[in-house]
C-alpha atoms as a PDB file:
ATOM      1  CA  MET A   1     102.938  86.490  60.499  1.00  0.00           C
ATOM      2  CA  PRO A   2     106.600  86.801  59.364  1.00  0.00           C
ATOM      3  CA  THR A   3     109.046  84.561  61.221  1.00  0.00           C
ATOM      4  CA  ALA A   4     110.195  86.465  64.301  1.00  0.00           C
ATOM      5  CA  THR A   5     113.186  86.163  66.597  1.00  0.00           C
ATOM      6  CA  GLY A   6     112.988  82.735  68.177  1.00  0.00           C
ATOM      7  CA  GLY A   7     111.059  81.312  65.253  1.00  0.00           C
ATOM      8  CA  ALA A   8     107.584  82.551  66.199  1.00  0.00           C
ATOM      9  CA  LYS A   9     105.235  82.673  63.229  1.00  0.00           C
ATOM     10  CA  HIS A  10     101.865  82.842  64.956  1.00  0.00           C
ATOM     11  CA  ALA A  11     100.118  84.836  67.664  1.00  0.00           C
ATOM     12  CA  ILE A  12      97.390  83.636  69.984  1.00  0.00           C
ATOM     13  CA  VAL A  13      94.971  86.353  71.107  1.00  0.00           C
ATOM     14  CA  ALA A  14      92.333  86.519  73.849  1.00  0.00           C
ATOM     15  CA  VAL A  15      89.910  89.395  74.481  1.00  0.00           C
ATOM     16  CA  ASP A  16      87.562  89.901  77.409  1.00  0.00           C
ATOM     17  CA  TYR A  17      84.173  90.966  76.074  1.00  0.00           C
ATOM     18  CA  PHE A  18      83.356  93.145  79.088  1.00  0.00           C
ATOM     19  CA  THR A  19      86.567  95.045  79.870  1.00  0.00           C
ATOM     20  CA  LYS A  20      88.081  94.738  76.346  1.00  0.00           C
ATOM     21  CA  TRP A  21      91.334  93.623  77.997  1.00  0.00           C
ATOM     22  CA  VAL A  22      93.516  91.892  75.421  1.00  0.00           C
ATOM     23  CA  LYS A  23      96.328  89.404  75.822  1.00  0.00           C
ATOM     24  CA  ALA A  24      98.448  88.022  72.991  1.00  0.00           C
ATOM     25  CA  GLU A  25     101.570  85.887  72.826  1.00  0.00           C
ATOM     26  CA  PRO A  26     103.823  84.803  69.945  1.00  0.00           C
ATOM     27  CA  LEU A  27     103.943  81.083  69.184  1.00  0.00           C
ATOM     28  CA  VAL A  28     106.338  78.993  67.130  1.00  0.00           C
ATOM     29  CA  HIS A  29     103.686  76.318  66.657  1.00  0.00           C
ATOM     30  CA  ILE A  30      99.949  76.301  67.285  1.00  0.00           C
ATOM     31  CA  THR A  31      99.348  73.219  69.403  1.00  0.00           C
ATOM     32  CA  GLU A  32      96.773  72.096  71.918  1.00  0.00           C
ATOM     33  CA  ALA A  33      99.413  72.128  74.677  1.00  0.00           C
ATOM     34  CA  ASN A  34     100.457  75.722  73.877  1.00  0.00           C
ATOM     35  CA  THR A  35      96.830  76.792  73.783  1.00  0.00           C
ATOM     36  CA  ILE A  36      96.031  75.200  77.145  1.00  0.00           C
ATOM     37  CA  SER A  37      99.098  76.841  78.709  1.00  0.00           C
ATOM     38  CA  PHE A  38      98.094  80.257  77.325  1.00  0.00           C
ATOM     39  CA  VAL A  39      94.498  79.960  78.509  1.00  0.00           C
ATOM     40  CA  LYS A  40      95.367  78.794  82.038  1.00  0.00           C
ATOM     41  CA  LYS A  41      98.085  81.396  82.541  1.00  0.00           C
ATOM     42  CA  ASN A  42      96.171  84.374  81.180  1.00  0.00           C
ATOM     43  CA  ILE A  43      92.553  83.705  82.120  1.00  0.00           C
ATOM     44  CA  PRO A  44      91.757  81.614  85.244  1.00  0.00           C
ATOM     45  CA  TYR A  45      95.153  82.053  86.895  1.00  0.00           C
ATOM     46  CA  ARG A  46      95.054  85.828  86.415  1.00  0.00           C
ATOM     47  CA  PHE A  47      91.434  86.954  86.360  1.00  0.00           C
ATOM     48  CA  GLY A  48      89.416  83.976  87.550  1.00  0.00           C
ATOM     49  CA  ILE A  49      87.260  81.443  85.763  1.00  0.00           C
ATOM     50  CA  PRO A  50      85.085  82.823  82.941  1.00  0.00           C
ATOM     51  CA  ASN A  51      81.592  81.586  82.191  1.00  0.00           C
ATOM     52  CA  THR A  52      82.225  81.260  78.462  1.00  0.00           C
ATOM     53  CA  ILE A  53      85.077  81.135  75.968  1.00  0.00           C
ATOM     54  CA  ILE A  54      84.401  81.677  72.262  1.00  0.00           C
ATOM     55  CA  THR A  55      87.079  80.257  69.974  1.00  0.00           C
ATOM     56  CA  ASP A  56      87.630  79.568  66.317  1.00  0.00           C
ATOM     57  CA  ASN A  57      87.372  76.022  65.004  1.00  0.00           C
ATOM     58  CA  GLY A  58      91.074  75.212  65.129  1.00  0.00           C
ATOM     59  CA  THR A  59      91.892  71.683  66.234  1.00  0.00           C
ATOM     60  CA  GLN A  60      93.797  73.111  69.209  1.00  0.00           C
ATOM     61  CA  PHE A  61      90.438  74.181  70.686  1.00  0.00           C
ATOM     62  CA  ASP A  62      88.654  70.925  69.909  1.00  0.00           C
ATOM     63  CA  GLY A  63      91.098  68.407  71.359  1.00  0.00           C
ATOM     64  CA  ARG A  64      90.305  66.120  74.262  1.00  0.00           C
ATOM     65  CA  LYS A  65      92.650  67.881  76.692  1.00  0.00           C
ATOM     66  CA  PHE A  66      91.283  71.343  75.901  1.00  0.00           C
ATOM     67  CA  ARG A  67      87.723  70.104  76.387  1.00  0.00           C
ATOM     68  CA  GLU A  68      88.800  68.508  79.672  1.00  0.00           C
ATOM     69  CA  LEU A  69      90.240  71.857  80.780  1.00  0.00           C
ATOM     70  CA  CYS A  70      86.914  73.573  80.093  1.00  0.00           C
ATOM     71  CA  ASP A  71      85.001  70.806  81.870  1.00  0.00           C
ATOM     72  CA  LYS A  72      87.332  70.994  84.875  1.00  0.00           C
ATOM     73  CA  TYR A  73      86.620  74.700  85.376  1.00  0.00           C
ATOM     74  CA  GLY A  74      82.995  74.621  84.237  1.00  0.00           C
ATOM     75  CA  ILE A  75      83.709  76.841  81.222  1.00  0.00           C
ATOM     76  CA  ASN A  76      81.282  76.848  78.302  1.00  0.00           C
ATOM     77  CA  ASN A  77      83.315  76.624  75.089  1.00  0.00           C
ATOM     78  CA  TYR A  78      81.491  77.889  72.008  1.00  0.00           C
ATOM     79  CA  TYR A  79      82.885  77.935  68.481  1.00  0.00           C
ATOM     80  CA  ALA A  80      82.651  80.700  65.897  1.00  0.00           C
ATOM     81  CA  SER A  81      81.095  79.651  62.595  1.00  0.00           C
ATOM     82  CA  PRO A  82      83.754  78.325  60.164  1.00  0.00           C
ATOM     83  CA  ALA A  83      82.080  80.078  57.245  1.00  0.00           C
ATOM     84  CA  HIS A  84      81.804  83.352  59.157  1.00  0.00           C
ATOM     85  CA  PRO A  85      84.825  83.900  61.441  1.00  0.00           C
ATOM     86  CA  GLN A  86      83.578  87.442  61.980  1.00  0.00           C
ATOM     87  CA  THR A  87      81.033  85.946  64.402  1.00  0.00           C
ATOM     88  CA  ASN A  88      83.889  86.155  66.890  1.00  0.00           C
ATOM     89  CA  GLY A  89      83.862  89.851  66.089  1.00  0.00           C
ATOM     90  CA  GLN A  90      85.614  91.180  69.182  1.00  0.00           C
ATOM     91  CA  THR A  91      88.776  89.185  68.567  1.00  0.00           C
ATOM     92  CA  GLU A  92      88.693  89.814  64.824  1.00  0.00           C
ATOM     93  CA  ALA A  93      88.534  93.576  65.455  1.00  0.00           C
ATOM     94  CA  VAL A  94      91.419  93.421  67.930  1.00  0.00           C
ATOM     95  CA  ASN A  95      93.484  91.322  65.516  1.00  0.00           C
ATOM     96  CA  LYS A  96      93.145  94.066  62.894  1.00  0.00           C
ATOM     97  CA  ILE A  97      94.219  96.753  65.376  1.00  0.00           C
ATOM     98  CA  ILE A  98      97.222  94.718  66.543  1.00  0.00           C
ATOM     99  CA  LYS A  99      98.373  94.057  62.975  1.00  0.00           C
ATOM    100  CA  HIS A 100      97.883  97.703  61.977  1.00  0.00           C
ATOM    101  CA  ASN A 101      99.859  98.992  64.967  1.00  0.00           C
ATOM    102  CA  LEU A 102     102.613  96.431  64.489  1.00  0.00           C
ATOM    103  CA  LYS A 103     103.018  97.503  60.871  1.00  0.00           C
ATOM    104  CA  ALA A 104     103.295 101.127  61.971  1.00  0.00           C
ATOM    105  CA  LYS A 105     106.055 100.288  64.466  1.00  0.00           C
ATOM    106  CA  LEU A 106     108.046  97.842  62.384  1.00  0.00           C
ATOM    107  CA  ALA A 107     108.514  99.634  59.064  1.00  0.00           C
ATOM    108  CA  THR A 108     110.897  97.294  57.203  1.00  0.00           C
ATOM    109  CA  LYS A 109     111.838  95.101  60.193  1.00  0.00           C
ATOM    110  CA  LYS A 110     108.822  92.809  60.059  1.00  0.00           C
ATOM    111  CA  GLY A 111     110.650  90.016  61.868  1.00  0.00           C
ATOM    112  CA  SER A 112     110.692  92.081  65.076  1.00  0.00           C
ATOM    113  CA  TRP A 113     106.926  91.897  65.553  1.00  0.00           C
ATOM    114  CA  ALA A 114     107.192  89.580  68.589  1.00  0.00           C
ATOM    115  CA  ASP A 115     109.487  92.079  70.356  1.00  0.00           C
ATOM    116  CA  LYS A 116     107.094  94.959  69.673  1.00  0.00           C
ATOM    117  CA  LEU A 117     103.942  93.052  70.632  1.00  0.00           C
ATOM    118  CA  PRO A 118     104.041  94.034  74.355  1.00  0.00           C
ATOM    119  CA  GLN A 119     104.217  97.741  73.394  1.00  0.00           C
ATOM    120  CA  VAL A 120     101.255  97.394  71.067  1.00  0.00           C
ATOM    121  CA  LEU A 121      99.237  95.581  73.728  1.00  0.00           C
ATOM    122  CA  TRP A 122     100.101  98.258  76.303  1.00  0.00           C
ATOM    123  CA  ALA A 123      98.940 100.993  73.938  1.00  0.00           C
ATOM    124  CA  TYR A 124      95.666  99.162  73.342  1.00  0.00           C
ATOM    125  CA  ARG A 125      95.040  98.569  77.044  1.00  0.00           C
ATOM    126  CA  THR A 126      95.624 102.220  77.951  1.00  0.00           C
ATOM    127  CA  THR A 127      93.543 103.713  75.130  1.00  0.00           C
ATOM    128  CA  GLU A 128      89.864 104.514  75.685  1.00  0.00           C
ATOM    129  CA  ARG A 129      87.534 102.142  73.829  1.00  0.00           C
ATOM    130  CA  GLY A 130      84.460 103.629  72.217  1.00  0.00           C
ATOM    131  CA  SER A 131      82.141 100.835  73.367  1.00  0.00           C
ATOM    132  CA  THR A 132      82.861 101.407  77.072  1.00  0.00           C
ATOM    133  CA  GLY A 133      84.163 104.970  77.240  1.00  0.00           C
ATOM    134  CA  GLU A 134      86.978 103.601  79.423  1.00  0.00           C
ATOM    135  CA  THR A 135      90.401 102.065  78.909  1.00  0.00           C
ATOM    136  CA  PRO A 136      90.665  98.274  79.205  1.00  0.00           C
ATOM    137  CA  TYR A 137      93.236  98.832  81.968  1.00  0.00           C
ATOM    138  CA  SER A 138      90.840 100.873  84.108  1.00  0.00           C
ATOM    139  CA  MET A 139      88.004  98.433  83.455  1.00  0.00           C
ATOM    140  CA  ALA A 140      90.176  95.519  84.587  1.00  0.00           C
ATOM    141  CA  TYR A 141      91.931  97.124  87.573  1.00  0.00           C
ATOM    142  CA  GLY A 142      89.677  99.993  88.637  1.00  0.00           C
ATOM    143  CA  VAL A 143      92.350 102.687  88.153  1.00  0.00           C
ATOM    144  CA  GLU A 144      94.109 104.219  85.186  1.00  0.00           C
ATOM    145  CA  ALA A 145      97.671 103.118  84.495  1.00  0.00           C
ATOM    146  CA  VAL A 146     100.462 105.646  85.038  1.00  0.00           C
ATOM    147  CA  ILE A 147     101.902 106.102  81.554  1.00  0.00           C
ATOM    148  CA  PRO A 148     105.450 107.295  80.715  1.00  0.00           C
ATOM    149  CA  VAL A 149     104.392 110.818  79.761  1.00  0.00           C
ATOM    150  CA  GLU A 150     103.020 111.341  83.298  1.00  0.00           C
ATOM    151  CA  THR A 151     106.380 110.603  84.913  1.00  0.00           C
ATOM    152  CA  SER A 152     108.290 112.637  82.326  1.00  0.00           C
ATOM    153  CA  PHE A 153     106.245 115.776  83.001  1.00  0.00           C
ATOM    154  CA  SER A 154     105.212 114.996  86.595  1.00  0.00           C
ATOM    155  CA  SER A 155     101.458 115.020  86.074  1.00  0.00           C
ATOM    156  CA  PRO A 156      99.138 116.130  88.914  1.00  0.00           C
ATOM    157  CA  ARG A 157      98.266 112.489  89.569  1.00  0.00           C
ATOM    158  CA  VAL A 158     101.935 111.655  90.154  1.00  0.00           C
ATOM    159  CA  GLN A 159     102.575 114.836  92.175  1.00  0.00           C
ATOM    160  CA  LEU A 160      99.608 114.149  94.452  1.00  0.00           C
ATOM    161  CA  PHE A 161     100.516 110.514  95.115  1.00  0.00           C
ATOM    162  CA  GLN A 162     100.463 109.936  98.859  1.00  0.00           C
ATOM    163  CA  PRO A 163     101.703 106.554 100.081  1.00  0.00           C
ATOM    164  CA  GLU A 164      99.946 106.990 103.409  1.00  0.00           C
ATOM    165  CA  ILE A 165      96.588 106.949 101.624  1.00  0.00           C
ATOM    166  CA  ASN A 166      97.397 103.478 100.320  1.00  0.00           C
ATOM    167  CA  ILE A 167      98.021 102.364 103.905  1.00  0.00           C
ATOM    168  CA  ASP A 168      94.647 103.810 104.947  1.00  0.00           C
ATOM    169  CA  MET A 169      93.006 101.646 102.304  1.00  0.00           C
ATOM    170  CA  LEU A 170      94.622  98.503 103.773  1.00  0.00           C
ATOM    171  CA  LYS A 171      92.262  98.381 106.714  1.00  0.00           C
ATOM    172  CA  PHE A 172      91.399  95.207 108.556  1.00  0.00           C
ATOM    173  CA  THR A 173      88.855  94.563 111.289  1.00  0.00           C
ATOM    174  CA  LEU A 174      89.054  92.530 114.475  1.00  0.00           C
ATOM    175  CA  GLY A 175      88.688  88.853 113.738  1.00  0.00           C
ATOM    176  CA  ASP A 176      89.932  89.046 110.140  1.00  0.00           C
ATOM    177  CA  LEU A 177      92.185  86.199 109.057  1.00  0.00           C
ATOM    178  CA  VAL A 178      95.358  87.445 107.366  1.00  0.00           C
ATOM    179  CA  LEU A 179      98.678  86.250 106.009  1.00  0.00           C
ATOM    180  CA  LYS A 180     101.918  87.971 107.047  1.00  0.00           C
ATOM    181  CA  ARG A 181     104.822  88.562 104.708  1.00  0.00           C
ATOM    182  CA  VAL A 182     107.800  86.412 105.694  1.00  0.00           C
ATOM    183  CA  ASN A 183     110.907  88.358 106.686  1.00  0.00           C
ATOM    184  CA  PRO A 184     113.536  87.719 103.969  1.00  0.00           C
ATOM    185  CA  GLY A 185     116.071  86.843 106.659  1.00  0.00           C
ATOM    186  CA  THR A 186     113.944  83.987 108.001  1.00  0.00           C
ATOM    187  CA  ARG A 187     112.928  82.375 104.720  1.00  0.00           C
ATOM    188  CA  ASP A 188     113.904  78.797 103.965  1.00  0.00           C
ATOM    189  CA  LYS A 189     117.150  79.326 102.059  1.00  0.00           C
ATOM    190  CA  ALA A 190     117.195  75.709 100.873  1.00  0.00           C
ATOM    191  CA  ALA A 191     113.955  76.360  98.970  1.00  0.00           C
ATOM    192  CA  GLY A 192     115.519  79.302  97.115  1.00  0.00           C
ATOM    193  CA  SER A 193     113.075  81.284  95.007  1.00  0.00           C
ATOM    194  CA  LEU A 194     110.340  78.730  95.800  1.00  0.00           C
ATOM    195  CA  ALA A 195     110.339  79.591  99.515  1.00  0.00           C
ATOM    196  CA  ASP A 196     107.004  80.768 100.907  1.00  0.00           C
ATOM    197  CA  LYS A 197     106.677  84.551 100.953  1.00  0.00           C
ATOM    198  CA  TRP A 198     103.619  84.564 103.217  1.00  0.00           C
ATOM    199  CA  GLU A 199     102.843  82.696 106.426  1.00  0.00           C
ATOM    200  CA  GLY A 200      99.744  82.168 108.509  1.00  0.00           C
ATOM    201  CA  PRO A 201      96.895  82.439 108.816  1.00  0.00           C
ATOM    202  CA  TYR A 202      96.898  84.918 111.686  1.00  0.00           C
ATOM    203  CA  LYS A 203      93.884  86.539 113.308  1.00  0.00           C
ATOM    204  CA  ILE A 204      93.606  90.293 113.838  1.00  0.00           C
ATOM    205  CA  THR A 205      93.259  90.586 117.619  1.00  0.00           C
ATOM    206  CA  GLY A 206      93.951  94.247 118.193  1.00  0.00           C
ATOM    207  CA  ILE A 207      94.522  97.641 116.591  1.00  0.00           C
ATOM    208  CA  ALA A 208      97.849  99.140 117.641  1.00  0.00           C
ATOM    209  CA  GLY A 209      97.650 102.498 115.923  1.00  0.00           C
ATOM    210  CA  HIS A 210      97.625 103.985 112.447  1.00  0.00           C
ATOM    211  CA  GLY A 211      97.905 101.078 110.003  1.00  0.00           C
ATOM    212  CA  ALA A 212      99.290  98.647 112.608  1.00  0.00           C
ATOM    213  CA  TYR A 213      97.663  95.545 114.057  1.00  0.00           C
ATOM    214  CA  ARG A 214      98.217  92.939 116.716  1.00  0.00           C
ATOM    215  CA  ILE A 215      97.970  89.468 115.246  1.00  0.00           C
ATOM    216  CA  THR A 216      97.744  85.991 116.761  1.00  0.00           C
ATOM    217  CA  ARG A 217      98.495  82.602 115.241  1.00  0.00           C
ATOM    218  CA  GLU A 218      96.848  79.497 116.619  1.00  0.00           C
ATOM    219  CA  GLY A 219      99.365  77.454 118.561  1.00  0.00           C
ATOM    220  CA  PHE A 220     101.925  80.271 118.653  1.00  0.00           C
ATOM    221  CA  GLY A 221     100.116  83.066 120.464  1.00  0.00           C
ATOM    222  CA  GLU A 222     100.227  86.788 119.744  1.00  0.00           C
ATOM    223  CA  LEU A 223     103.278  88.282 118.075  1.00  0.00           C
ATOM    224  CA  PRO A 224     105.251  90.456 120.515  1.00  0.00           C
ATOM    225  CA  ARG A 225     105.200  93.471 118.201  1.00  0.00           C
ATOM    226  CA  PRO A 226     102.407  94.996 116.097  1.00  0.00           C
ATOM    227  CA  CYS A 227     102.521  94.371 112.352  1.00  0.00           C
ATOM    228  CA  ASN A 228     102.082  97.098 109.745  1.00  0.00           C
ATOM    229  CA  ALA A 229      99.219  96.660 107.280  1.00  0.00           C
ATOM    230  CA  GLN A 230     101.566  96.770 104.302  1.00  0.00           C
ATOM    231  CA  TYR A 231     102.967  93.401 105.427  1.00  0.00           C
ATOM    232  CA  LEU A 232      99.531  91.792 105.709  1.00  0.00           C
ATOM    233  CA  LYS A 233      96.938  90.548 103.269  1.00  0.00           C
ATOM    234  CA  ILE A 234      93.543  88.921 103.686  1.00  0.00           C
ATOM    235  CA  TYR A 235      93.599  85.133 103.940  1.00  0.00           C
ATOM    236  CA  TYR A 236      91.032  83.257 101.868  1.00  0.00           C
ATOM    237  CA  PRO A 237      90.535  79.681 103.166  1.00  0.00           C
END
């Protein structure tokens, strides 16, 4: 790739074989450390641990630390054939699409490819793929993304949006363990942006009305006022 703003000359790309979700980031250098950071941030930390990763034969995928990462998470790491990189066909196909769309957006400003990469990825994720009949976004998240044209022309989906329906979907049952969002005014100011945003766990001990619950924390008793569902989330021990 041409040298971009910030000195990036490479792009690292990952594609999920099932949803066709794609993630790519510009890199100044291709190193094992950069590769490990990319994989952790964009795969297990975002979507969970995969069963298998298929990579090319670059040394960044064959180093001791990368193998240790795969062993730590129980990930099978298979390599595409050096003589036939097309064996990793999904990524090769996506690479071609990304390059084609970047060329179309950049015209003569090839060095801006890193700035345009998020737009190209967004377009790919919100475009129906022939192999699934769905967009990668909907396959990954279960709903279609609201795209700019829908807000510009107020599509039926935007017009019919009803926040109260979202609250109805946040239903808990008696005995559920939940976390409660910390009131901004009571957060640990000394911790700054690292202060905990959730506290608990609490137990759902009563239903106080539409979308509101009575919650109890061991050692503290029941909160004096009901808590709205939008300030709660399920706690996973």
